[in-house]
Amino acid sequence: MNVTGIAAAATEMSQARTAEAVQMAVLKKAIDVQEKGALQLLEAASPVASNPPNLGNRVDISA
């Protein structure tokens, strides 16, 4: 059994796990940033003003 090959494989697997952990952390951060941006957009949207009940009930077409 080649000890050097085993050590290289173990190092490679460790690096892959580290890279995966970093990628997941970056993905979670990006999702958090998008969530905050979406919430800000929703909060910035002005609420729909309710019109008086008589507004828009009649249309004058005799002009």
Protein backbone atom coordinates (compact mmCIF):
# COMPACT_ATOMS: atom_id res chain seq x y z
CA MET A 1 0.00 0.00 0.00
CA ASN A 2 1.37 3.39 -1.00
CA VAL A 3 1.51 5.69 2.04
CA THR A 4 2.16 8.76 -0.09
CA GLY A 5 -0.93 8.06 -2.18
CA ILE A 6 -3.08 7.67 0.94
CA ALA A 7 -1.76 10.91 2.41
CA ALA A 8 -2.37 12.76 -0.86
CA ALA A 9 -5.92 11.40 -1.05
CA ALA A 10 -6.61 12.44 2.54
CA THR A 11 -5.27 15.93 1.87
CA GLU A 12 -7.34 16.20 -1.30
CA MET A 13 -10.50 15.13 0.53
CA SER A 14 -9.82 17.63 3.30
CA GLN A 15 -9.37 20.43 0.79
CA ALA A 16 -12.60 19.43 -0.96
CA ARG A 17 -14.50 19.56 2.35
CA THR A 18 -13.04 22.96 3.12
CA ALA A 19 -13.94 24.29 -0.33
CA GLU A 20 -17.48 22.94 0.05
CA ALA A 21 -17.86 24.57 3.46
CA VAL A 22 -16.68 27.92 2.07
CA GLN A 23 -19.07 27.65 -0.88
CA MET A 24 -21.99 26.92 1.44
CA ALA A 25 -21.09 29.89 3.64
CA VAL A 26 -20.96 32.19 0.61
CA LEU A 27 -24.30 30.82 -0.64
CA LYS A 28 -25.95 31.41 2.75
CA LYS A 29 -24.57 34.95 2.86
CA ALA A 30 -25.89 35.66 -0.64
CA ILE A 31 -29.33 34.37 0.32
CA ASP A 32 -29.33 36.56 3.44
CA VAL A 33 -28.40 39.63 1.37
CA GLN A 34 -31.17 38.88 -1.14
CA GLU A 35 -33.66 38.40 1.69
CA LYS A 36 -32.76 41.76 3.20
CA GLY A 37 -33.07 43.45 -0.19
CA ALA A 38 -36.48 41.90 -0.81
CA LEU A 39 -37.70 42.98 2.62
CA GLN A 40 -36.49 46.53 1.99
CA LEU A 41 -38.37 46.61 -1.31
CA LEU A 42 -41.54 45.37 0.35
CA GLU A 43 -41.24 47.91 3.14
CA ALA A 44 -40.58 50.72 0.67
CA ALA A 45 -43.65 49.92 -1.40
CA SER A 46 -46.30 52.44 -0.53
CA PRO A 47 -49.57 51.01 0.68
CA VAL A 48 -52.49 51.27 -1.69
CA ALA A 49 -54.63 54.27 -0.80
CA SER A 50 -58.27 53.42 -0.46
CA ASN A 51 -60.48 55.61 -2.59
CA PRO A 52 -63.84 56.93 -1.41
CA PRO A 53 -66.68 54.51 -2.19
CA ASN A 54 -68.32 56.92 -4.64
CA LEU A 55 -65.20 57.45 -6.74
CA GLY A 56 -65.30 55.66 -10.09
CA ASN A 57 -68.93 54.56 -9.94
CA ARG A 58 -70.08 56.79 -12.80
CA VAL A 59 -68.47 57.59 -16.13
CA ASP A 60 -69.63 60.67 -18.06
CA ILE A 61 -69.54 59.79 -21.75
CA SER A 62 -71.61 62.75 -23.00
CA ALA A 63 -68.89 65.16 -23.93
